[in-house]
Amino acid sequence: MEAKRYFTDEEIQCKCGCGFIRRHSPFYWKVNTVRGIVGHSLKVNSWCRCPTHNTLVGGSPTSSHLKGMAIDLATPTEYIKYRILLAAGEVSFRGVGVGKNFIHLDDDPDKPPNRFWVY
């Protein structure tokens, strides 16, 4: 049985409008699973980034967004932030970063597991 698809190509592709998109099925499944567990719609701040856009937003040259294996989700309330963090733990992302108004989740196999940081 296929997991429900909550996110559209428009939400996944680079926000600069270039159309760059990379969808990795296991990562896509994990993000959709988080959305299902949270039980609320989630706004994508950033998923895929082309190299130019990544540079413009100050992203790392090794950013997992360049591979389509990272997402930044808006956290408009502390409750949503809490629910995303709980769900991310259930799904076992390799990296979790917490910002004031967003949560970064990544699952890049080229980076060490069990990473957690605060922006």
C-alpha atoms as a PDB file:
ATOM      1  CA  MET A   1       0.000   0.000   0.000  1.00  0.00           C
ATOM      2  CA  GLU A   2       1.426   3.356  -1.029  1.00  0.00           C
ATOM      3  CA  ALA A   3       1.617   6.166   1.516  1.00  0.00           C
ATOM      4  CA  LYS A   4      -0.612   9.172   0.946  1.00  0.00           C
ATOM      5  CA  ARG A   5       1.078  11.894  -1.085  1.00  0.00           C
ATOM      6  CA  TYR A   6       0.793  15.212   0.682  1.00  0.00           C
ATOM      7  CA  PHE A   7       3.399  17.231  -1.213  1.00  0.00           C
ATOM      8  CA  THR A   8       3.223  18.469  -4.803  1.00  0.00           C
ATOM      9  CA  ASP A   9       6.055  18.953  -7.299  1.00  0.00           C
ATOM     10  CA  GLU A  10       5.608  22.712  -6.860  1.00  0.00           C
ATOM     11  CA  GLU A  11       6.404  22.370  -3.152  1.00  0.00           C
ATOM     12  CA  ILE A  12       9.398  20.109  -3.806  1.00  0.00           C
ATOM     13  CA  GLN A  13      11.119  22.046  -6.604  1.00  0.00           C
ATOM     14  CA  CYS A  14      13.593  24.872  -6.160  1.00  0.00           C
ATOM     15  CA  LYS A  15      11.950  28.087  -4.946  1.00  0.00           C
ATOM     16  CA  CYS A  16      13.870  30.270  -7.438  1.00  0.00           C
ATOM     17  CA  GLY A  17      11.527  29.132 -10.216  1.00  0.00           C
ATOM     18  CA  CYS A  18      14.133  27.247 -12.271  1.00  0.00           C
ATOM     19  CA  GLY A  19      12.167  23.994 -12.000  1.00  0.00           C
ATOM     20  CA  PHE A  20      15.026  21.982 -10.440  1.00  0.00           C
ATOM     21  CA  ILE A  21      13.612  18.919  -8.685  1.00  0.00           C
ATOM     22  CA  ARG A  22      14.987  15.671  -7.319  1.00  0.00           C
ATOM     23  CA  ARG A  23      12.605  13.274  -5.665  1.00  0.00           C
ATOM     24  CA  HIS A  24      14.204  10.432  -3.754  1.00  0.00           C
ATOM     25  CA  SER A  25      11.489   7.911  -2.957  1.00  0.00           C
ATOM     26  CA  PRO A  26      12.693   6.920   0.542  1.00  0.00           C
ATOM     27  CA  PHE A  27      13.062  10.564   1.597  1.00  0.00           C
ATOM     28  CA  TYR A  28       9.711  11.498   0.024  1.00  0.00           C
ATOM     29  CA  TRP A  29       8.103   8.606   1.914  1.00  0.00           C
ATOM     30  CA  LYS A  30       9.624   9.756   5.208  1.00  0.00           C
ATOM     31  CA  VAL A  31       8.446  13.348   4.769  1.00  0.00           C
ATOM     32  CA  ASN A  32       4.946  12.171   3.845  1.00  0.00           C
ATOM     33  CA  THR A  33       4.948   9.909   6.897  1.00  0.00           C
ATOM     34  CA  VAL A  34       5.862  12.870   9.118  1.00  0.00           C
ATOM     35  CA  ARG A  35       2.966  14.833   7.616  1.00  0.00           C
ATOM     36  CA  GLY A  36       0.590  11.954   8.314  1.00  0.00           C
ATOM     37  CA  ILE A  37       1.744  11.653  11.923  1.00  0.00           C
ATOM     38  CA  VAL A  38       1.559  15.414  12.541  1.00  0.00           C
ATOM     39  CA  GLY A  39      -2.022  15.472  11.289  1.00  0.00           C
ATOM     40  CA  HIS A  40      -1.847  19.085  10.029  1.00  0.00           C
ATOM     41  CA  SER A  41      -0.879  20.611   6.706  1.00  0.00           C
ATOM     42  CA  LEU A  42       2.777  21.641   6.597  1.00  0.00           C
ATOM     43  CA  LYS A  43       4.312  24.507   4.635  1.00  0.00           C
ATOM     44  CA  VAL A  44       7.549  23.752   2.801  1.00  0.00           C
ATOM     45  CA  ASN A  45      10.046  26.602   3.063  1.00  0.00           C
ATOM     46  CA  SER A  46      12.701  24.740   1.076  1.00  0.00           C
ATOM     47  CA  TRP A  47      13.133  21.237  -0.338  1.00  0.00           C
ATOM     48  CA  CYS A  48      15.232  21.025  -3.524  1.00  0.00           C
ATOM     49  CA  ARG A  49      17.685  23.803  -4.316  1.00  0.00           C
ATOM     50  CA  CYS A  50      19.657  24.382  -7.487  1.00  0.00           C
ATOM     51  CA  PRO A  51      23.314  25.356  -6.882  1.00  0.00           C
ATOM     52  CA  THR A  52      22.664  29.017  -7.719  1.00  0.00           C
ATOM     53  CA  HIS A  53      19.712  29.358  -5.339  1.00  0.00           C
ATOM     54  CA  ASN A  54      21.573  27.453  -2.626  1.00  0.00           C
ATOM     55  CA  THR A  55      24.407  29.993  -2.844  1.00  0.00           C
ATOM     56  CA  LEU A  56      21.973  32.938  -2.815  1.00  0.00           C
ATOM     57  CA  VAL A  57      20.275  31.745   0.385  1.00  0.00           C
ATOM     58  CA  GLY A  58      23.604  31.081   2.113  1.00  0.00           C
ATOM     59  CA  GLY A  59      23.334  27.292   1.963  1.00  0.00           C
ATOM     60  CA  SER A  60      26.328  25.069   2.572  1.00  0.00           C
ATOM     61  CA  PRO A  61      28.172  23.820  -0.524  1.00  0.00           C
ATOM     62  CA  THR A  62      27.427  20.304   0.780  1.00  0.00           C
ATOM     63  CA  SER A  63      23.768  21.051   1.520  1.00  0.00           C
ATOM     64  CA  SER A  64      21.490  18.033   1.313  1.00  0.00           C
ATOM     65  CA  HIS A  65      18.923  20.337  -0.349  1.00  0.00           C
ATOM     66  CA  LEU A  66      21.086  20.112  -3.492  1.00  0.00           C
ATOM     67  CA  LYS A  67      20.354  16.371  -3.609  1.00  0.00           C
ATOM     68  CA  GLY A  68      16.665  16.701  -2.734  1.00  0.00           C
ATOM     69  CA  MET A  69      17.323  14.951   0.573  1.00  0.00           C
ATOM     70  CA  ALA A  70      16.500  17.819   2.928  1.00  0.00           C
ATOM     71  CA  ILE A  71      13.432  19.843   3.764  1.00  0.00           C
ATOM     72  CA  ASP A  72      12.784  22.941   5.837  1.00  0.00           C
ATOM     73  CA  LEU A  73       9.255  22.966   7.232  1.00  0.00           C
ATOM     74  CA  ALA A  74       7.630  26.116   8.606  1.00  0.00           C
ATOM     75  CA  THR A  75       6.675  25.962  12.283  1.00  0.00           C
ATOM     76  CA  PRO A  76       4.093  28.700  12.811  1.00  0.00           C
ATOM     77  CA  THR A  77       3.306  27.466  16.342  1.00  0.00           C
ATOM     78  CA  GLU A  78       5.230  25.696  19.089  1.00  0.00           C
ATOM     79  CA  TYR A  79       2.644  22.904  18.925  1.00  0.00           C
ATOM     80  CA  ILE A  80       3.421  22.233  15.245  1.00  0.00           C
ATOM     81  CA  LYS A  81       7.163  22.345  16.018  1.00  0.00           C
ATOM     82  CA  TYR A  82       6.675  19.805  18.805  1.00  0.00           C
ATOM     83  CA  ARG A  83       4.569  17.498  16.617  1.00  0.00           C
ATOM     84  CA  ILE A  84       7.131  17.606  13.781  1.00  0.00           C
ATOM     85  CA  LEU A  85       9.960  16.777  16.184  1.00  0.00           C
ATOM     86  CA  LEU A  86       8.056  13.827  17.631  1.00  0.00           C
ATOM     87  CA  ALA A  87       7.228  12.536  14.155  1.00  0.00           C
ATOM     88  CA  ALA A  88      10.806  13.027  12.936  1.00  0.00           C
ATOM     89  CA  GLY A  89      11.992  10.859  15.817  1.00  0.00           C
ATOM     90  CA  GLU A  90       9.543   8.113  14.887  1.00  0.00           C
ATOM     91  CA  VAL A  91      10.685   8.150  11.259  1.00  0.00           C
ATOM     92  CA  SER A  92      14.424   8.359  12.116  1.00  0.00           C
ATOM     93  CA  PHE A  93      15.888  11.133   9.981  1.00  0.00           C
ATOM     94  CA  ARG A  94      19.687  11.312   9.927  1.00  0.00           C
ATOM     95  CA  GLY A  95      19.709  15.064  10.639  1.00  0.00           C
ATOM     96  CA  VAL A  96      17.339  17.407  12.480  1.00  0.00           C
ATOM     97  CA  GLY A  97      17.921  21.137  12.862  1.00  0.00           C
ATOM     98  CA  VAL A  98      15.637  23.450  14.815  1.00  0.00           C
ATOM     99  CA  GLY A  99      15.302  27.110  13.928  1.00  0.00           C
ATOM    100  CA  LYS A 100      13.060  29.770  15.422  1.00  0.00           C
ATOM    101  CA  ASN A 101      10.363  29.353  12.748  1.00  0.00           C
ATOM    102  CA  PHE A 102      11.296  26.141  10.952  1.00  0.00           C
ATOM    103  CA  ILE A 103      12.602  22.604  11.292  1.00  0.00           C
ATOM    104  CA  HIS A 104      15.171  21.121   8.934  1.00  0.00           C
ATOM    105  CA  LEU A 105      15.006  17.366   8.276  1.00  0.00           C
ATOM    106  CA  ASP A 106      17.508  15.481   6.162  1.00  0.00           C
ATOM    107  CA  ASP A 107      18.336  11.905   5.307  1.00  0.00           C
ATOM    108  CA  ASP A 108      21.565  12.229   3.345  1.00  0.00           C
ATOM    109  CA  PRO A 109      23.509   8.933   3.450  1.00  0.00           C
ATOM    110  CA  ASP A 110      26.750  10.865   2.817  1.00  0.00           C
ATOM    111  CA  LYS A 111      26.441  12.544   6.221  1.00  0.00           C
ATOM    112  CA  PRO A 112      26.716  10.970   9.675  1.00  0.00           C
ATOM    113  CA  PRO A 113      23.521   9.732  11.354  1.00  0.00           C
ATOM    114  CA  ASN A 114      21.991  11.074  14.568  1.00  0.00           C
ATOM    115  CA  ARG A 115      22.841  14.741  13.976  1.00  0.00           C
ATOM    116  CA  PHE A 116      20.877  17.398  15.877  1.00  0.00           C
ATOM    117  CA  TRP A 117      21.474  21.138  16.039  1.00  0.00           C
ATOM    118  CA  VAL A 118      19.829  24.449  16.794  1.00  0.00           C
ATOM    119  CA  TYR A 119      20.174  27.452  14.477  1.00  0.00           C
END
